[in-house]
């Protein structure tokens, strides 16, 4: 029996999908007027909206540099 290397990972381990990617550019650390949890809440709202629009969201700062 032969196995495809691409399918050896569990689905939850595979970060790639067939959806187009929407890159998020946003602050991720706290500032004097906006603590870090504010940005985490904003990110949650944005990710939900992006997913509902048929895209996969990714922070641009998390991108693999190639």
PDB file of N, CA and C in Angstrom:
ATOM      1  N   UNK A   1       0.848  -1.184   0.000  1.00  0.00           N
ATOM      2  CA  UNK A   1       0.000   0.000   0.000  1.00  0.00           C
ATOM      3  C   UNK A   1       0.886   1.238   0.000  1.00  0.00           C
ATOM      4  N   UNK A   2       0.659   2.139  -0.919  1.00  0.00           N
ATOM      5  CA  UNK A   2       1.432   3.373  -0.981  1.00  0.00           C
ATOM      6  C   UNK A   2       0.640   4.502  -0.363  1.00  0.00           C
ATOM      7  N   UNK A   3       1.365   5.391   0.270  1.00  0.00           N
ATOM      8  CA  UNK A   3       0.721   6.549   0.890  1.00  0.00           C
ATOM      9  C   UNK A   3       1.273   7.819   0.290  1.00  0.00           C
ATOM     10  N   UNK A   4       0.410   8.753   0.141  1.00  0.00           N
ATOM     11  CA  UNK A   4       0.806  10.065  -0.340  1.00  0.00           C
ATOM     12  C   UNK A   4       1.336  10.862   0.845  1.00  0.00           C
ATOM     13  N   UNK A   5       2.554  11.383   0.753  1.00  0.00           N
ATOM     14  CA  UNK A   5       3.171  12.133   1.847  1.00  0.00           C
ATOM     15  C   UNK A   5       2.297  13.313   2.286  1.00  0.00           C
ATOM     16  N   UNK A   6       1.607  13.920   1.355  1.00  0.00           N
ATOM     17  CA  UNK A   6       0.763  15.067   1.664  1.00  0.00           C
ATOM     18  C   UNK A   6      -0.369  14.690   2.621  1.00  0.00           C
ATOM     19  N   UNK A   7      -0.830  13.445   2.558  1.00  0.00           N
ATOM     20  CA  UNK A   7      -1.937  13.004   3.387  1.00  0.00           C
ATOM     21  C   UNK A   7      -1.497  12.370   4.693  1.00  0.00           C
ATOM     22  N   UNK A   8      -0.187  12.349   4.997  1.00  0.00           N
ATOM     23  CA  UNK A   8       0.297  11.754   6.228  1.00  0.00           C
ATOM     24  C   UNK A   8      -0.061  12.585   7.456  1.00  0.00           C
ATOM     25  N   UNK A   9      -0.280  13.878   7.291  1.00  0.00           N
ATOM     26  CA  UNK A   9      -0.613  14.747   8.403  1.00  0.00           C
ATOM     27  C   UNK A   9      -2.101  14.668   8.719  1.00  0.00           C
ATOM     28  N   UNK A  10      -2.414  14.894   9.986  1.00  0.00           N
ATOM     29  CA  UNK A  10      -3.812  15.010  10.375  1.00  0.00           C
ATOM     30  C   UNK A  10      -4.351  16.316   9.797  1.00  0.00           C
ATOM     31  N   UNK A  11      -5.629  16.373   9.447  1.00  0.00           N
ATOM     32  CA  UNK A  11      -6.181  17.594   8.855  1.00  0.00           C
ATOM     33  C   UNK A  11      -5.943  18.844   9.708  1.00  0.00           C
ATOM     34  N   UNK A  12      -5.958  18.706  11.039  1.00  0.00           N
ATOM     35  CA  UNK A  12      -5.766  19.871  11.894  1.00  0.00           C
ATOM     36  C   UNK A  12      -4.333  20.375  11.858  1.00  0.00           C
ATOM     37  N   UNK A  13      -3.365  19.516  11.441  1.00  0.00           N
ATOM     38  CA  UNK A  13      -1.974  19.924  11.362  1.00  0.00           C
ATOM     39  C   UNK A  13      -1.664  20.657  10.069  1.00  0.00           C
ATOM     40  N   UNK A  14      -2.495  20.498   9.068  1.00  0.00           N
ATOM     41  CA  UNK A  14      -2.236  21.083   7.757  1.00  0.00           C
ATOM     42  C   UNK A  14      -2.799  22.494   7.726  1.00  0.00           C
ATOM     43  N   UNK A  15      -1.924  23.497   7.590  1.00  0.00           N
ATOM     44  CA  UNK A  15      -2.373  24.888   7.589  1.00  0.00           C
ATOM     45  C   UNK A  15      -2.806  25.367   6.213  1.00  0.00           C
ATOM     46  N   UNK A  16      -2.580  24.576   5.184  1.00  0.00           N
ATOM     47  CA  UNK A  16      -2.953  25.005   3.844  1.00  0.00           C
ATOM     48  C   UNK A  16      -4.390  24.618   3.548  1.00  0.00           C
ATOM     49  N   UNK A  17      -5.038  25.406   2.739  1.00  0.00           N
ATOM     50  CA  UNK A  17      -6.390  25.101   2.294  1.00  0.00           C
ATOM     51  C   UNK A  17      -6.525  25.596   0.865  1.00  0.00           C
ATOM     52  N   UNK A  18      -7.643  25.300   0.284  1.00  0.00           N
ATOM     53  CA  UNK A  18      -7.882  25.740  -1.088  1.00  0.00           C
ATOM     54  C   UNK A  18      -8.527  27.122  -1.139  1.00  0.00           C
ATOM     55  N   UNK A  19      -8.777  27.709   0.025  1.00  0.00           N
ATOM     56  CA  UNK A  19      -9.392  29.031   0.064  1.00  0.00           C
ATOM     57  C   UNK A  19      -8.352  30.108  -0.225  1.00  0.00           C
ATOM     58  N   UNK A  20      -8.778  31.213  -0.835  1.00  0.00           N
ATOM     59  CA  UNK A  20      -7.843  32.333  -0.998  1.00  0.00           C
ATOM     60  C   UNK A  20      -7.485  32.902   0.376  1.00  0.00           C
ATOM     61  N   UNK A  21      -6.301  33.450   0.491  1.00  0.00           N
ATOM     62  CA  UNK A  21      -5.812  33.960   1.767  1.00  0.00           C
ATOM     63  C   UNK A  21      -6.009  35.465   1.857  1.00  0.00           C
ATOM     64  N   UNK A  22      -6.482  35.908   3.002  1.00  0.00           N
ATOM     65  CA  UNK A  22      -6.607  37.328   3.306  1.00  0.00           C
ATOM     66  C   UNK A  22      -5.591  37.633   4.398  1.00  0.00           C
ATOM     67  N   UNK A  23      -4.602  38.465   4.088  1.00  0.00           N
ATOM     68  CA  UNK A  23      -3.576  38.814   5.059  1.00  0.00           C
ATOM     69  C   UNK A  23      -4.032  39.926   5.986  1.00  0.00           C
ATOM     70  N   UNK A  24      -3.858  39.697   7.278  1.00  0.00           N
ATOM     71  CA  UNK A  24      -4.204  40.710   8.272  1.00  0.00           C
ATOM     72  C   UNK A  24      -2.961  41.512   8.640  1.00  0.00           C
ATOM     73  N   UNK A  25      -3.049  42.811   8.499  1.00  0.00           N
ATOM     74  CA  UNK A  25      -1.995  43.712   8.931  1.00  0.00           C
ATOM     75  C   UNK A  25      -2.599  44.545  10.053  1.00  0.00           C
ATOM     76  N   UNK A  26      -2.113  44.287  11.263  1.00  0.00           N
ATOM     77  CA  UNK A  26      -2.687  44.969  12.411  1.00  0.00           C
ATOM     78  C   UNK A  26      -1.730  44.942  13.580  1.00  0.00           C
ATOM     79  N   UNK A  27      -1.897  45.863  14.541  1.00  0.00           N
ATOM     80  CA  UNK A  27      -1.077  45.799  15.747  1.00  0.00           C
ATOM     81  C   UNK A  27      -1.383  44.515  16.518  1.00  0.00           C
ATOM     82  N   UNK A  28      -0.368  43.958  17.150  1.00  0.00           N
ATOM     83  CA  UNK A  28      -0.591  42.755  17.962  1.00  0.00           C
ATOM     84  C   UNK A  28      -0.123  42.959  19.397  1.00  0.00           C
ATOM     85  N   UNK A  29       0.471  44.113  19.676  1.00  0.00           N
ATOM     86  CA  UNK A  29       0.902  44.398  21.043  1.00  0.00           C
ATOM     87  C   UNK A  29       0.132  45.601  21.576  1.00  0.00           C
ATOM     88  N   UNK A  30       0.184  45.745  22.882  1.00  0.00           N
ATOM     89  CA  UNK A  30      -0.532  46.838  23.514  1.00  0.00           C
ATOM     90  C   UNK A  30       0.106  48.192  23.240  1.00  0.00           C
ATOM     91  N   UNK A  31      -0.727  49.216  23.344  1.00  0.00           N
ATOM     92  CA  UNK A  31      -0.283  50.600  23.218  1.00  0.00           C
ATOM     93  C   UNK A  31      -0.916  51.365  24.378  1.00  0.00           C
ATOM     94  N   UNK A  32      -0.513  52.588  24.619  1.00  0.00           N
ATOM     95  CA  UNK A  32      -1.064  53.323  25.767  1.00  0.00           C
ATOM     96  C   UNK A  32      -2.600  53.352  25.814  1.00  0.00           C
ATOM     97  N   UNK A  33      -3.247  53.558  24.690  1.00  0.00           N
ATOM     98  CA  UNK A  33      -4.716  53.655  24.687  1.00  0.00           C
ATOM     99  C   UNK A  33      -5.427  52.341  24.383  1.00  0.00           C
ATOM    100  N   UNK A  34      -4.683  51.317  23.946  1.00  0.00           N
ATOM    101  CA  UNK A  34      -5.292  50.045  23.559  1.00  0.00           C
ATOM    102  C   UNK A  34      -4.436  48.887  24.074  1.00  0.00           C
ATOM    103  N   UNK A  35      -4.909  48.187  25.108  1.00  0.00           N
ATOM    104  CA  UNK A  35      -4.142  47.047  25.623  1.00  0.00           C
ATOM    105  C   UNK A  35      -4.139  45.889  24.625  1.00  0.00           C
ATOM    106  N   UNK A  36      -3.253  44.941  24.840  1.00  0.00           N
ATOM    107  CA  UNK A  36      -3.099  43.807  23.921  1.00  0.00           C
ATOM    108  C   UNK A  36      -4.408  43.036  23.734  1.00  0.00           C
ATOM    109  N   UNK A  37      -5.198  42.869  24.799  1.00  0.00           N
ATOM    110  CA  UNK A  37      -6.451  42.105  24.657  1.00  0.00           C
ATOM    111  C   UNK A  37      -7.441  42.796  23.715  1.00  0.00           C
ATOM    112  N   UNK A  38      -7.338  44.116  23.578  1.00  0.00           N
ATOM    113  CA  UNK A  38      -8.186  44.825  22.612  1.00  0.00           C
ATOM    114  C   UNK A  38      -7.907  44.315  21.197  1.00  0.00           C
ATOM    115  N   UNK A  39      -6.618  44.204  20.850  1.00  0.00           N
ATOM    116  CA  UNK A  39      -6.248  43.757  19.511  1.00  0.00           C
ATOM    117  C   UNK A  39      -6.596  42.291  19.297  1.00  0.00           C
ATOM    118  N   UNK A  40      -6.516  41.490  20.354  1.00  0.00           N
ATOM    119  CA  UNK A  40      -6.893  40.077  20.248  1.00  0.00           C
ATOM    120  C   UNK A  40      -8.391  39.975  19.942  1.00  0.00           C
ATOM    121  N   UNK A  41      -9.203  40.807  20.593  1.00  0.00           N
ATOM    122  CA  UNK A  41     -10.647  40.830  20.318  1.00  0.00           C
ATOM    123  C   UNK A  41     -10.922  41.283  18.884  1.00  0.00           C
ATOM    124  N   UNK A  42     -10.220  42.321  18.439  1.00  0.00           N
ATOM    125  CA  UNK A  42     -10.379  42.798  17.066  1.00  0.00           C
ATOM    126  C   UNK A  42     -10.006  41.700  16.067  1.00  0.00           C
ATOM    127  N   UNK A  43      -8.923  40.984  16.345  1.00  0.00           N
ATOM    128  CA  UNK A  43      -8.486  39.906  15.461  1.00  0.00           C
ATOM    129  C   UNK A  43      -9.549  38.808  15.375  1.00  0.00           C
ATOM    130  N   UNK A  44     -10.156  38.470  16.503  1.00  0.00           N
ATOM    131  CA  UNK A  44     -11.209  37.448  16.513  1.00  0.00           C
ATOM    132  C   UNK A  44     -12.383  37.867  15.632  1.00  0.00           C
ATOM    133  N   UNK A  45     -12.793  39.111  15.740  1.00  0.00           N
ATOM    134  CA  UNK A  45     -13.905  39.627  14.924  1.00  0.00           C
ATOM    135  C   UNK A  45     -13.539  39.592  13.440  1.00  0.00           C
ATOM    136  N   UNK A  46     -12.333  40.068  13.107  1.00  0.00           N
ATOM    137  CA  UNK A  46     -11.900  40.083  11.713  1.00  0.00           C
ATOM    138  C   UNK A  46     -11.793  38.674  11.138  1.00  0.00           C
ATOM    139  N   UNK A  47     -11.201  37.754  11.889  1.00  0.00           N
ATOM    140  CA  UNK A  47     -11.045  36.376  11.407  1.00  0.00           C
ATOM    141  C   UNK A  47     -12.402  35.734  11.136  1.00  0.00           C
ATOM    142  N   UNK A  48     -13.363  35.985  12.004  1.00  0.00           N
ATOM    143  CA  UNK A  48     -14.707  35.438  11.812  1.00  0.00           C
ATOM    144  C   UNK A  48     -15.332  35.973  10.524  1.00  0.00           C
ATOM    145  N   UNK A  49     -15.220  37.267  10.311  1.00  0.00           N
ATOM    146  CA  UNK A  49     -15.780  37.884   9.098  1.00  0.00           C
ATOM    147  C   UNK A  49     -15.075  37.381   7.839  1.00  0.00           C
ATOM    148  N   UNK A  50     -13.763  37.247   7.916  1.00  0.00           N
ATOM    149  CA  UNK A  50     -12.993  36.773   6.769  1.00  0.00           C
ATOM    150  C   UNK A  50     -13.374  35.340   6.417  1.00  0.00           C
ATOM    151  N   UNK A  51     -13.503  34.489   7.433  1.00  0.00           N
ATOM    152  CA  UNK A  51     -13.894  33.093   7.212  1.00  0.00           C
ATOM    153  C   UNK A  51     -15.289  33.007   6.609  1.00  0.00           C
ATOM    154  N   UNK A  52     -16.208  33.811   7.118  1.00  0.00           N
ATOM    155  CA  UNK A  52     -17.578  33.800   6.589  1.00  0.00           C
ATOM    156  C   UNK A  52     -17.624  34.296   5.151  1.00  0.00           C
ATOM    157  N   UNK A  53     -16.614  35.042   4.731  1.00  0.00           N
ATOM    158  CA  UNK A  53     -16.540  35.549   3.359  1.00  0.00           C
ATOM    159  C   UNK A  53     -15.858  34.577   2.407  1.00  0.00           C
ATOM    160  N   UNK A  54     -15.435  33.420   2.942  1.00  0.00           N
ATOM    161  CA  UNK A  54     -14.847  32.394   2.086  1.00  0.00           C
ATOM    162  C   UNK A  54     -13.338  32.462   1.951  1.00  0.00           C
ATOM    163  N   UNK A  55     -12.680  33.209   2.823  1.00  0.00           N
ATOM    164  CA  UNK A  55     -11.233  33.330   2.795  1.00  0.00           C
ATOM    165  C   UNK A  55     -10.622  32.660   4.023  1.00  0.00           C
ATOM    166  N   UNK A  56      -9.323  32.421   3.937  1.00  0.00           N
ATOM    167  CA  UNK A  56      -8.548  31.980   5.089  1.00  0.00           C
ATOM    168  C   UNK A  56      -7.762  33.190   5.563  1.00  0.00           C
ATOM    169  N   UNK A  57      -7.828  33.497   6.851  1.00  0.00           N
ATOM    170  CA  UNK A  57      -7.110  34.665   7.364  1.00  0.00           C
ATOM    171  C   UNK A  57      -5.763  34.257   7.950  1.00  0.00           C
ATOM    172  N   UNK A  58      -4.778  35.120   7.727  1.00  0.00           N
ATOM    173  CA  UNK A  58      -3.437  34.911   8.288  1.00  0.00           C
ATOM    174  C   UNK A  58      -2.835  36.262   8.626  1.00  0.00           C
ATOM    175  N   UNK A  59      -2.222  36.341   9.803  1.00  0.00           N
ATOM    176  CA  UNK A  59      -1.462  37.531  10.125  1.00  0.00           C
ATOM    177  C   UNK A  59      -0.259  37.603   9.203  1.00  0.00           C
ATOM    178  N   UNK A  60      -0.034  38.739   8.601  1.00  0.00           N
ATOM    179  CA  UNK A  60       1.085  38.895   7.679  1.00  0.00           C
ATOM    180  C   UNK A  60       2.406  38.655   8.411  1.00  0.00           C
ATOM    181  N   UNK A  61       2.454  39.036   9.685  1.00  0.00           N
ATOM    182  CA  UNK A  61       3.680  38.848  10.463  1.00  0.00           C
ATOM    183  C   UNK A  61       3.989  37.368  10.727  1.00  0.00           C
ATOM    184  N   UNK A  62       3.015  36.478  10.550  1.00  0.00           N
ATOM    185  CA  UNK A  62       3.217  35.023  10.729  1.00  0.00           C
ATOM    186  C   UNK A  62       3.626  34.325   9.447  1.00  0.00           C
ATOM    187  N   UNK A  63       3.716  35.058   8.342  1.00  0.00           N
ATOM    188  CA  UNK A  63       3.995  34.433   7.034  1.00  0.00           C
ATOM    189  C   UNK A  63       5.394  33.837   6.981  1.00  0.00           C
ATOM    190  N   UNK A  64       5.510  32.740   6.247  1.00  0.00           N
ATOM    191  CA  UNK A  64       6.820  32.152   5.973  1.00  0.00           C
ATOM    192  C   UNK A  64       7.534  33.064   5.004  1.00  0.00           C
ATOM    193  N   UNK A  65       8.769  33.378   5.318  1.00  0.00           N
ATOM    194  CA  UNK A  65       9.552  34.198   4.377  1.00  0.00           C
ATOM    195  C   UNK A  65      10.270  33.281   3.425  1.00  0.00           C
ATOM    196  N   UNK A  66      10.016  33.442   2.150  1.00  0.00           N
ATOM    197  CA  UNK A  66      10.615  32.588   1.117  1.00  0.00           C
ATOM    198  C   UNK A  66      11.394  33.396   0.143  1.00  0.00           C
TER     199      UNK A  66
END
